[in-house]
Amino acid sequence: MSSNDVFAALDALDTAYRALDDLPLHELRPTDLRALVVRLEEMDKHVGAFQRRLIRRLVSAPPPAEFAGASWAQVLARRLRISVGEAQRRIVEAGGPPQAMSA
């Protein structure tokens, strides 16, 4: 598998989400809406599991040199525009090594 395969799959997923976003939900029956919520919840769990695997793999290596000694929590916080605490929580949830959270 190449990075092209991964990004092609993400592009397809992004296209599918955009198509879903453009659908007229007001035309769906309540039973269809409930089924949609359940399906999206299942998909969300799969995406979350994939993201945890990705983070676990990512933090198994040293942070990139361009971040000059920053922890992975700091790197993820900057890249994802989240707090360092939230980044650390995601790393721990992914099964990555806990790190000291220096600012």
C-alpha atoms as a PDB file:
ATOM      1  CA  MET A   1       0.000   0.000   0.000  1.00  0.00           C
ATOM      2  CA  SER A   2       1.318   3.430  -0.866  1.00  0.00           C
ATOM      3  CA  SER A   3       0.527   6.844   0.544  1.00  0.00           C
ATOM      4  CA  ASN A   4      -1.297   7.484  -2.741  1.00  0.00           C
ATOM      5  CA  ASP A   5      -3.716   4.662  -1.861  1.00  0.00           C
ATOM      6  CA  VAL A   6      -4.364   6.161   1.563  1.00  0.00           C
ATOM      7  CA  PHE A   7      -4.955   9.660   0.224  1.00  0.00           C
ATOM      8  CA  ALA A   8      -7.153   8.330  -2.605  1.00  0.00           C
ATOM      9  CA  ALA A   9      -9.310   6.558  -0.003  1.00  0.00           C
ATOM     10  CA  LEU A  10      -9.492   9.768   2.067  1.00  0.00           C
ATOM     11  CA  ASP A  11     -10.459  11.746  -1.038  1.00  0.00           C
ATOM     12  CA  ALA A  12     -13.268   9.263  -1.718  1.00  0.00           C
ATOM     13  CA  LEU A  13     -14.428   9.534   1.894  1.00  0.00           C
ATOM     14  CA  ASP A  14     -14.351  13.328   1.708  1.00  0.00           C
ATOM     15  CA  THR A  15     -16.396  13.237  -1.504  1.00  0.00           C
ATOM     16  CA  ALA A  16     -18.928  10.922   0.135  1.00  0.00           C
ATOM     17  CA  TYR A  17     -19.245  13.176   3.201  1.00  0.00           C
ATOM     18  CA  ARG A  18     -19.760  16.221   0.971  1.00  0.00           C
ATOM     19  CA  ALA A  19     -22.455  14.347  -0.970  1.00  0.00           C
ATOM     20  CA  LEU A  20     -24.188  13.438   2.299  1.00  0.00           C
ATOM     21  CA  ASP A  21     -23.975  17.026   3.476  1.00  0.00           C
ATOM     22  CA  ASP A  22     -25.768  18.211   0.330  1.00  0.00           C
ATOM     23  CA  LEU A  23     -28.725  15.832   0.719  1.00  0.00           C
ATOM     24  CA  PRO A  24     -32.119  17.258   1.741  1.00  0.00           C
ATOM     25  CA  LEU A  25     -32.632  15.671   5.166  1.00  0.00           C
ATOM     26  CA  HIS A  26     -36.057  17.247   5.525  1.00  0.00           C
ATOM     27  CA  GLU A  27     -37.351  14.732   2.962  1.00  0.00           C
ATOM     28  CA  LEU A  28     -36.407  11.707   5.079  1.00  0.00           C
ATOM     29  CA  ARG A  29     -38.846   9.875   7.303  1.00  0.00           C
ATOM     30  CA  PRO A  30     -38.107   9.652  11.034  1.00  0.00           C
ATOM     31  CA  THR A  31     -37.194   5.961  10.703  1.00  0.00           C
ATOM     32  CA  ASP A  32     -34.706   6.832   7.965  1.00  0.00           C
ATOM     33  CA  LEU A  33     -33.252   9.635  10.105  1.00  0.00           C
ATOM     34  CA  ARG A  34     -32.740   7.237  13.007  1.00  0.00           C
ATOM     35  CA  ALA A  35     -31.103   4.685  10.719  1.00  0.00           C
ATOM     36  CA  LEU A  36     -28.849   7.408   9.342  1.00  0.00           C
ATOM     37  CA  VAL A  37     -27.780   8.448  12.842  1.00  0.00           C
ATOM     38  CA  VAL A  38     -26.928   4.811  13.672  1.00  0.00           C
ATOM     39  CA  ARG A  39     -24.927   4.337  10.453  1.00  0.00           C
ATOM     40  CA  LEU A  40     -23.016   7.569  10.965  1.00  0.00           C
ATOM     41  CA  GLU A  41     -22.247   6.579  14.551  1.00  0.00           C
ATOM     42  CA  GLU A  42     -20.816   3.269  13.315  1.00  0.00           C
ATOM     43  CA  MET A  43     -18.725   5.087  10.719  1.00  0.00           C
ATOM     44  CA  ASP A  44     -17.544   7.569  13.338  1.00  0.00           C
ATOM     45  CA  LYS A  45     -16.321   4.664  15.485  1.00  0.00           C
ATOM     46  CA  HIS A  46     -14.360   3.273  12.533  1.00  0.00           C
ATOM     47  CA  VAL A  47     -12.782   6.659  11.808  1.00  0.00           C
ATOM     48  CA  GLY A  48     -11.924   7.066  15.496  1.00  0.00           C
ATOM     49  CA  ALA A  49     -10.289   3.642  15.618  1.00  0.00           C
ATOM     50  CA  PHE A  50      -8.310   4.435  12.472  1.00  0.00           C
ATOM     51  CA  GLN A  51      -7.180   7.756  13.939  1.00  0.00           C
ATOM     52  CA  ARG A  52      -6.052   6.062  17.162  1.00  0.00           C
ATOM     53  CA  ARG A  53      -4.027   3.517  15.150  1.00  0.00           C
ATOM     54  CA  LEU A  54      -2.508   6.361  13.148  1.00  0.00           C
ATOM     55  CA  ILE A  55      -1.582   8.372  16.249  1.00  0.00           C
ATOM     56  CA  ARG A  56      -0.139   5.277  17.960  1.00  0.00           C
ATOM     57  CA  ARG A  57       2.037   4.625  14.889  1.00  0.00           C
ATOM     58  CA  LEU A  58       3.018   8.290  14.598  1.00  0.00           C
ATOM     59  CA  VAL A  59       4.153   8.729  18.201  1.00  0.00           C
ATOM     60  CA  SER A  60       6.250   5.564  18.122  1.00  0.00           C
ATOM     61  CA  ALA A  61       8.945   7.612  16.342  1.00  0.00           C
ATOM     62  CA  PRO A  62      10.690  10.779  17.497  1.00  0.00           C
ATOM     63  CA  PRO A  63       8.939  14.064  16.653  1.00  0.00           C
ATOM     64  CA  PRO A  64      10.101  15.693  13.395  1.00  0.00           C
ATOM     65  CA  ALA A  65      13.302  17.761  13.600  1.00  0.00           C
ATOM     66  CA  GLU A  66      11.496  20.941  12.525  1.00  0.00           C
ATOM     67  CA  PHE A  67       9.722  20.949  15.905  1.00  0.00           C
ATOM     68  CA  ALA A  68      13.047  21.270  17.740  1.00  0.00           C
ATOM     69  CA  GLY A  69      12.583  19.175  20.853  1.00  0.00           C
ATOM     70  CA  ALA A  70       8.812  19.546  21.160  1.00  0.00           C
ATOM     71  CA  SER A  71       6.839  16.584  22.513  1.00  0.00           C
ATOM     72  CA  TRP A  72       4.367  14.750  20.298  1.00  0.00           C
ATOM     73  CA  ALA A  73       1.576  16.346  22.320  1.00  0.00           C
ATOM     74  CA  GLN A  74       2.929  19.768  21.409  1.00  0.00           C
ATOM     75  CA  VAL A  75       3.369  18.787  17.750  1.00  0.00           C
ATOM     76  CA  LEU A  76      -0.187  17.427  17.483  1.00  0.00           C
ATOM     77  CA  ALA A  77      -1.583  20.427  19.341  1.00  0.00           C
ATOM     78  CA  ARG A  78       0.011  22.786  16.831  1.00  0.00           C
ATOM     79  CA  ARG A  79      -0.964  20.746  13.780  1.00  0.00           C
ATOM     80  CA  LEU A  80      -4.546  20.032  14.848  1.00  0.00           C
ATOM     81  CA  ARG A  81      -5.055  23.398  16.568  1.00  0.00           C
ATOM     82  CA  ILE A  82      -6.086  21.805  19.829  1.00  0.00           C
ATOM     83  CA  SER A  83      -4.757  22.183  23.353  1.00  0.00           C
ATOM     84  CA  VAL A  84      -1.686  20.264  24.447  1.00  0.00           C
ATOM     85  CA  GLY A  85      -3.856  18.544  27.054  1.00  0.00           C
ATOM     86  CA  GLU A  86      -6.315  17.360  24.384  1.00  0.00           C
ATOM     87  CA  ALA A  87      -3.435  16.163  22.207  1.00  0.00           C
ATOM     88  CA  GLN A  88      -1.977  14.255  25.159  1.00  0.00           C
ATOM     89  CA  ARG A  89      -5.385  12.726  25.894  1.00  0.00           C
ATOM     90  CA  ARG A  90      -5.584  11.492  22.288  1.00  0.00           C
ATOM     91  CA  ILE A  91      -2.078  10.030  22.477  1.00  0.00           C
ATOM     92  CA  VAL A  92      -2.899   8.163  25.688  1.00  0.00           C
ATOM     93  CA  GLU A  93      -6.249   7.007  24.280  1.00  0.00           C
ATOM     94  CA  ALA A  94      -4.404   5.688  21.224  1.00  0.00           C
ATOM     95  CA  GLY A  95      -2.127   3.652  23.453  1.00  0.00           C
ATOM     96  CA  GLY A  96       0.869   5.852  22.832  1.00  0.00           C
ATOM     97  CA  PRO A  97       3.421   6.645  25.494  1.00  0.00           C
ATOM     98  CA  PRO A  98       2.394   9.269  28.050  1.00  0.00           C
ATOM     99  CA  GLN A  99       4.639  12.301  27.865  1.00  0.00           C
ATOM    100  CA  ALA A 100       5.418  15.175  30.149  1.00  0.00           C
ATOM    101  CA  MET A 101       3.274  18.120  29.124  1.00  0.00           C
ATOM    102  CA  SER A 102       5.603  21.076  29.137  1.00  0.00           C
ATOM    103  CA  ALA A 103       4.261  24.246  27.558  1.00  0.00           C
END
